[in-house]
Amino acid sequence: MAKIAVALDRALAQRDVDGTPGAASPRIIARGDGWTVADVICTSGPRDRSFEEQHACFAIAVVVGGTFQYRSTLGGGLMTPGALMLGNPGQCYECGHQHGRGDRCVAFWYEPGYFERIAGDVGPRGARPSFRVPRLPALRRFSTLVARAAAGITGSDVAWEELGVRLAISAAAVDGGSARVDAVPPNAAARVTRAVRMIERHSDAGLTLTALARDAGLSPYHFLRTFERLTGATPHQYILRVRLRDAALRLTDAPGKIVDVALDCGFGDVSNFNRAFRAEFGVTPGSWRGLSPVVSHSP
């Protein structure tokens, strides 16, 4: 995910030069009748105070870089790459960066009428659509959508409205009960955040459960439990998902050989890479690369 990290690192470095407070900077990349998509880079860190904001419409933010803590009237949780931040119109929320600097999201904003037409197709008949949980972890069912969103902000053509519709349907259809995260001690969130950020930067390295647990200052057993509780995946599953997302982005952006992409992303065997890629995205690496891009809607 190097391309994702470059823009975030550049924004953080510029903030250091300017000496300005951390802030979220949205860049509108596509919009239509009832929907908007933005590339949002936030440069806030531990020294910046969280403040209350309010969702103006239905919101799904796909986290593609960094980490942050999200809290709304529905609850809260740790936001990691691949996770979805959810919001309903008029809902108050806070985002904090107590344990790390900066994040990058692809935000999809839906006007109420537009979202209700979409979500009404998957929810109970006659019910008013709304999100019941504040966030959804990095689940496999979202992997293709997350990878497409990440590719879109790095220059690939994306049919943004179609992607937004699929994302809204998938998020609305997930059983909210499985996504709830109970409150955890702040030190646990800090340790898992550090591990997640290490994985994001060094996913191609041989990161073991023992090494990650030792860096977090926990036993392997307690680290495994805490990591899975906060991210929705085991460390092994999370590392694999990061590697596959990186591979999908490289296959979209670069013409290199598939075997080279597999090796560069930390896979030691191309056959294992092919099986894991197909399980994650539903297609082979070659088919993913060969999918014809659809011209995106321009703002």
Protein backbone atom coordinates (compact mmCIF):
# COMPACT_ATOMS: atom_id res chain seq x y z
CA MET A 1 0.00 0.00 0.00
CA ALA A 2 2.98 2.29 -0.64
CA LYS A 3 1.03 4.73 -2.82
CA ILE A 4 -1.59 5.15 -0.11
CA ALA A 5 1.09 5.83 2.51
CA VAL A 6 3.06 8.33 0.39
CA ALA A 7 0.30 10.94 0.27
CA LEU A 8 -0.39 10.56 4.00
CA ASP A 9 3.31 10.82 4.89
CA ARG A 10 3.63 13.91 2.70
CA ALA A 11 0.69 15.58 4.44
CA LEU A 12 2.12 14.79 7.89
CA ALA A 13 5.53 16.15 6.90
CA GLN A 14 3.95 19.35 5.57
CA ARG A 15 2.04 19.76 8.81
CA ASP A 16 5.35 19.54 10.73
CA VAL A 17 6.85 22.23 8.49
CA ASP A 18 3.85 24.55 8.81
CA GLY A 19 3.37 23.95 12.53
CA THR A 20 -0.40 23.82 12.09
CA PRO A 21 -2.89 21.75 14.11
CA GLY A 22 -3.97 18.41 12.71
CA ALA A 23 -7.02 18.46 10.47
CA ALA A 24 -9.01 16.36 8.01
CA SER A 25 -8.75 17.53 4.39
CA PRO A 26 -11.36 16.07 2.03
CA ARG A 27 -10.75 16.14 -1.73
CA ILE A 28 -13.90 15.51 -3.76
CA ILE A 29 -13.11 12.95 -6.45
CA ALA A 30 -16.59 12.08 -7.75
CA ARG A 31 -20.20 13.12 -7.24
CA GLY A 32 -23.63 12.63 -8.71
CA ASP A 33 -27.29 13.07 -7.91
CA GLY A 34 -27.47 12.15 -4.22
CA TRP A 35 -23.93 10.86 -3.67
CA THR A 36 -20.39 12.15 -3.21
CA VAL A 37 -17.01 10.46 -2.85
CA ALA A 38 -13.98 12.10 -1.24
CA ASP A 39 -10.37 11.22 -0.54
CA VAL A 40 -9.92 12.32 3.08
CA ILE A 41 -6.46 12.69 4.60
CA CYS A 42 -6.28 13.49 8.32
CA THR A 43 -3.06 14.75 9.92
CA SER A 44 -4.22 14.67 13.56
CA GLY A 45 -2.14 12.97 16.21
CA PRO A 46 -1.95 12.31 19.96
CA ARG A 47 -1.47 16.01 20.79
CA ASP A 48 -4.60 17.10 18.94
CA ARG A 49 -7.82 17.36 20.88
CA SER A 50 -10.82 15.40 19.64
CA PHE A 51 -13.94 17.47 19.08
CA GLU A 52 -17.53 16.58 18.40
CA GLU A 53 -18.76 16.59 14.80
CA GLN A 54 -22.04 15.62 13.17
CA HIS A 55 -22.77 13.49 10.13
CA ALA A 56 -24.71 15.58 7.61
CA CYS A 57 -25.87 12.51 5.66
CA PHE A 58 -25.39 8.74 5.56
CA ALA A 59 -21.67 8.04 5.55
CA ILE A 60 -19.42 5.06 4.87
CA ALA A 61 -15.71 5.79 5.19
CA VAL A 62 -13.37 3.08 3.90
CA VAL A 63 -10.14 3.23 5.89
CA VAL A 64 -7.16 2.70 3.56
CA GLY A 65 -4.28 3.98 5.70
CA GLY A 66 -3.42 4.75 9.32
CA THR A 67 -5.58 4.16 12.36
CA PHE A 68 -7.90 6.15 14.60
CA GLN A 69 -10.50 5.76 17.33
CA TYR A 70 -14.11 6.41 16.33
CA ARG A 71 -16.94 7.06 18.76
CA SER A 72 -20.55 7.90 17.98
CA THR A 73 -23.91 7.64 19.71
CA LEU A 74 -23.98 4.00 18.52
CA GLY A 75 -20.71 3.09 20.24
CA GLY A 76 -17.12 3.07 19.10
CA GLY A 77 -14.10 1.09 18.10
CA LEU A 78 -10.60 1.09 16.64
CA MET A 79 -10.55 1.91 12.93
CA THR A 80 -7.92 0.05 10.91
CA PRO A 81 -7.28 -0.26 7.15
CA GLY A 82 -10.05 -2.29 5.54
CA ALA A 83 -12.63 -1.33 8.18
CA LEU A 84 -15.74 0.77 7.48
CA MET A 85 -16.76 3.78 9.57
CA LEU A 86 -20.55 4.21 9.51
CA GLY A 87 -22.72 7.23 10.23
CA ASN A 88 -26.37 8.27 10.09
CA PRO A 89 -27.66 11.79 9.32
CA GLY A 90 -27.63 14.04 12.38
CA GLN A 91 -25.52 11.61 14.41
CA CYS A 92 -22.79 13.12 16.58
CA TYR A 93 -19.33 11.55 16.58
CA GLU A 94 -15.67 12.01 17.48
CA CYS A 95 -12.47 10.76 15.87
CA GLY A 96 -9.29 10.55 17.95
CA HIS A 97 -5.65 9.73 17.27
CA GLN A 98 -4.41 9.04 20.78
CA HIS A 99 -2.14 6.21 19.64
CA GLY A 100 -0.79 7.26 16.25
CA ARG A 101 -0.60 10.08 13.71
CA GLY A 102 -2.76 10.39 10.65
CA ASP A 103 -5.14 8.33 8.57
CA ARG A 104 -6.57 8.20 5.06
CA CYS A 105 -10.11 7.23 4.09
CA VAL A 106 -12.26 7.06 1.00
CA ALA A 107 -15.53 8.61 2.20
CA PHE A 108 -18.85 7.86 0.53
CA TRP A 109 -21.62 10.32 1.45
CA TYR A 110 -25.24 9.57 0.56
CA GLU A 111 -28.20 11.94 0.71
CA PRO A 112 -30.99 10.36 2.82
CA GLY A 113 -33.39 9.76 -0.07
CA TYR A 114 -30.68 8.18 -2.21
CA PHE A 115 -29.45 5.90 0.58
CA GLU A 116 -32.96 4.86 1.58
CA ARG A 117 -33.68 3.71 -1.98
CA ILE A 118 -30.55 1.52 -1.89
CA ALA A 119 -30.82 0.15 1.64
CA GLY A 120 -34.55 -0.42 1.29
CA ASP A 121 -33.83 -3.27 -1.09
CA VAL A 122 -31.96 -5.28 1.55
CA GLY A 123 -33.70 -4.26 4.80
CA PRO A 124 -37.09 -5.17 6.27
CA ARG A 125 -40.00 -3.92 4.17
CA GLY A 126 -41.29 -0.59 5.45
CA ALA A 127 -38.41 -0.05 7.89
CA ARG A 128 -36.52 3.22 7.81
CA PRO A 129 -32.90 2.36 6.88
CA SER A 130 -30.16 3.31 9.35
CA PHE A 131 -26.89 1.91 10.59
CA ARG A 132 -27.14 0.07 13.91
CA VAL A 133 -23.40 -0.08 14.67
CA PRO A 134 -20.64 2.54 14.42
CA ARG A 135 -18.19 0.47 12.38
CA LEU A 136 -17.58 -2.80 10.59
CA PRO A 137 -14.22 -4.58 10.80
CA ALA A 138 -12.09 -5.59 7.83
CA LEU A 139 -14.21 -8.51 6.67
CA ARG A 140 -13.52 -10.60 3.58
CA ARG A 141 -16.87 -9.65 2.06
CA PHE A 142 -15.59 -6.06 1.79
CA SER A 143 -12.14 -6.89 0.40
CA THR A 144 -12.91 -6.32 -3.28
CA LEU A 145 -14.71 -3.05 -2.55
CA VAL A 146 -11.88 -1.78 -0.34
CA ALA A 147 -9.27 -2.69 -2.96
CA ARG A 148 -11.25 -0.93 -5.71
CA ALA A 149 -11.64 2.19 -3.57
CA ALA A 150 -7.90 2.24 -2.82
CA ALA A 151 -7.09 1.79 -6.50
CA GLY A 152 -9.43 4.65 -7.39
CA ILE A 153 -7.60 7.24 -5.28
CA THR A 154 -4.24 6.18 -6.71
CA GLY A 155 -5.24 6.89 -10.29
CA SER A 156 -7.20 3.91 -11.63
CA ASP A 157 -10.53 4.41 -13.37
CA VAL A 158 -13.40 3.43 -11.10
CA ALA A 159 -17.17 3.50 -11.59
CA TRP A 160 -17.65 5.37 -8.32
CA GLU A 161 -21.45 5.34 -8.21
CA GLU A 162 -21.58 1.59 -8.80
CA LEU A 163 -18.92 1.06 -6.14
CA GLY A 164 -20.85 3.27 -3.71
CA VAL A 165 -24.07 1.34 -4.29
CA ARG A 166 -22.37 -2.03 -3.75
CA LEU A 167 -20.69 -0.72 -0.62
CA ALA A 168 -23.97 0.58 0.83
CA ILE A 169 -25.77 -2.69 0.10
CA SER A 170 -22.97 -4.78 1.62
CA ALA A 171 -22.73 -2.64 4.76
CA ALA A 172 -26.49 -2.56 5.27
CA ALA A 173 -26.79 -6.31 4.83
CA VAL A 174 -24.18 -7.28 7.45
CA ASP A 175 -25.55 -8.48 10.76
CA GLY A 176 -24.81 -5.64 13.14
CA GLY A 177 -24.50 -7.87 16.17
CA SER A 178 -21.28 -9.42 14.92
CA ALA A 179 -19.63 -6.03 14.56
CA ARG A 180 -20.07 -4.73 18.09
CA VAL A 181 -16.92 -4.13 20.09
CA ASP A 182 -17.10 -3.71 23.85
CA ALA A 183 -15.00 -1.09 25.58
CA VAL A 184 -11.36 -2.09 26.06
CA PRO A 185 -8.62 -0.57 28.21
CA PRO A 186 -6.81 2.35 26.50
CA ASN A 187 -3.46 0.58 26.84
CA ALA A 188 -4.86 -2.41 24.89
CA ALA A 189 -5.98 -0.15 22.05
CA ALA A 190 -2.55 1.52 22.03
CA ARG A 191 -0.74 -1.81 21.77
CA VAL A 192 -2.94 -3.13 18.99
CA THR A 193 -2.68 0.19 17.13
CA ARG A 194 1.11 -0.06 17.22
CA ALA A 195 0.94 -3.61 15.86
CA VAL A 196 -1.49 -2.64 13.09
CA ARG A 197 0.71 0.24 11.98
CA MET A 198 3.77 -2.03 11.96
CA ILE A 199 1.92 -4.55 9.81
CA GLU A 200 0.75 -1.86 7.39
CA ARG A 201 4.33 -0.62 6.90
CA HIS A 202 6.08 -4.00 6.88
CA SER A 203 3.49 -6.52 5.72
CA ASP A 204 6.05 -8.22 3.46
CA ALA A 205 8.32 -8.99 6.43
CA GLY A 206 8.19 -12.21 8.44
CA LEU A 207 6.00 -10.90 11.25
CA THR A 208 5.15 -13.70 13.68
CA LEU A 209 2.61 -13.80 16.48
CA THR A 210 5.43 -14.09 19.01
CA ALA A 211 7.29 -11.06 17.61
CA LEU A 212 4.15 -8.89 17.47
CA ALA A 213 3.13 -9.92 20.98
CA ARG A 214 6.60 -9.20 22.34
CA ASP A 215 6.58 -5.73 20.76
CA ALA A 216 3.14 -5.12 22.28
CA GLY A 217 4.32 -6.24 25.72
CA LEU A 218 1.73 -9.03 25.95
CA SER A 219 1.81 -12.80 26.00
CA PRO A 220 0.98 -14.38 22.63
CA TYR A 221 -2.34 -15.62 24.04
CA HIS A 222 -3.47 -12.22 25.35
CA PHE A 223 -2.20 -10.40 22.27
CA LEU A 224 -4.10 -12.79 19.97
CA ARG A 225 -7.33 -12.31 21.94
CA THR A 226 -6.99 -8.52 22.15
CA PHE A 227 -6.00 -8.09 18.50
CA GLU A 228 -8.91 -10.18 17.23
CA ARG A 229 -11.35 -8.42 19.55
CA LEU A 230 -10.36 -4.97 18.27
CA THR A 231 -9.80 -5.65 14.56
CA GLY A 232 -12.18 -8.54 13.84
CA ALA A 233 -9.33 -10.72 12.54
CA THR A 234 -6.43 -12.71 13.94
CA PRO A 235 -2.94 -11.27 13.31
CA HIS A 236 -2.31 -13.92 10.65
CA GLN A 237 -5.60 -13.14 8.88
CA TYR A 238 -4.90 -9.42 9.10
CA ILE A 239 -1.38 -9.71 7.66
CA LEU A 240 -2.68 -11.89 4.82
CA ARG A 241 -5.44 -9.39 4.05
CA VAL A 242 -2.97 -6.49 3.97
CA ARG A 243 -0.66 -8.39 1.62
CA LEU A 244 -3.51 -9.32 -0.71
CA ARG A 245 -4.84 -5.75 -0.76
CA ASP A 246 -1.35 -4.51 -1.62
CA ALA A 247 -1.09 -7.12 -4.37
CA ALA A 248 -4.46 -6.12 -5.82
CA LEU A 249 -3.36 -2.49 -5.94
CA ARG A 250 -0.09 -3.39 -7.64
CA LEU A 251 -1.83 -5.57 -10.19
CA THR A 252 -4.14 -2.69 -11.01
CA ASP A 253 -1.40 -0.07 -11.31
CA ALA A 254 1.68 -1.86 -12.68
CA PRO A 255 2.48 -4.18 -15.61
CA GLY A 256 4.94 -6.46 -13.73
CA LYS A 257 4.77 -10.25 -13.65
CA ILE A 258 2.32 -11.84 -11.23
CA VAL A 259 5.08 -13.93 -9.67
CA ASP A 260 7.06 -10.76 -8.92
CA VAL A 261 4.02 -9.12 -7.33
CA ALA A 262 3.50 -12.21 -5.16
CA LEU A 263 7.11 -12.24 -3.97
CA ASP A 264 7.23 -8.48 -3.39
CA CYS A 265 4.11 -8.69 -1.22
CA GLY A 266 5.54 -11.36 1.07
CA PHE A 267 4.28 -14.58 -0.53
CA GLY A 268 6.97 -17.24 -0.86
CA ASP A 269 5.02 -19.42 -3.27
CA VAL A 270 3.00 -18.23 -6.26
CA SER A 271 0.54 -21.14 -6.04
CA ASN A 272 -0.32 -20.18 -2.45
CA PHE A 273 -0.67 -16.58 -3.58
CA ASN A 274 -3.07 -17.56 -6.38
CA ARG A 275 -5.24 -19.61 -3.99
CA ALA A 276 -5.32 -16.88 -1.34
CA PHE A 277 -6.08 -14.17 -3.90
CA ARG A 278 -8.96 -16.11 -5.41
CA ALA A 279 -10.39 -16.85 -1.94
CA GLU A 280 -10.20 -13.16 -0.98
CA PHE A 281 -11.42 -11.50 -4.19
CA GLY A 282 -13.29 -14.25 -6.03
CA VAL A 283 -11.07 -14.09 -9.12
CA THR A 284 -7.52 -15.08 -10.06
CA PRO A 285 -4.75 -12.43 -10.06
CA GLY A 286 -4.68 -12.55 -13.85
CA SER A 287 -8.45 -12.04 -14.09
CA TRP A 288 -8.27 -9.14 -11.61
CA ARG A 289 -5.65 -7.42 -13.77
CA GLY A 290 -7.61 -8.17 -16.91
CA LEU A 291 -10.88 -6.66 -15.71
CA SER A 292 -11.69 -3.74 -18.00
CA PRO A 293 -11.78 -0.43 -16.11
CA VAL A 294 -15.01 1.54 -16.30
CA VAL A 295 -14.74 5.26 -16.86
CA SER A 296 -15.40 7.03 -13.58
CA HIS A 297 -17.91 9.78 -12.94
CA SER A 298 -16.07 13.09 -12.75
CA PRO A 299 -16.86 15.75 -10.17
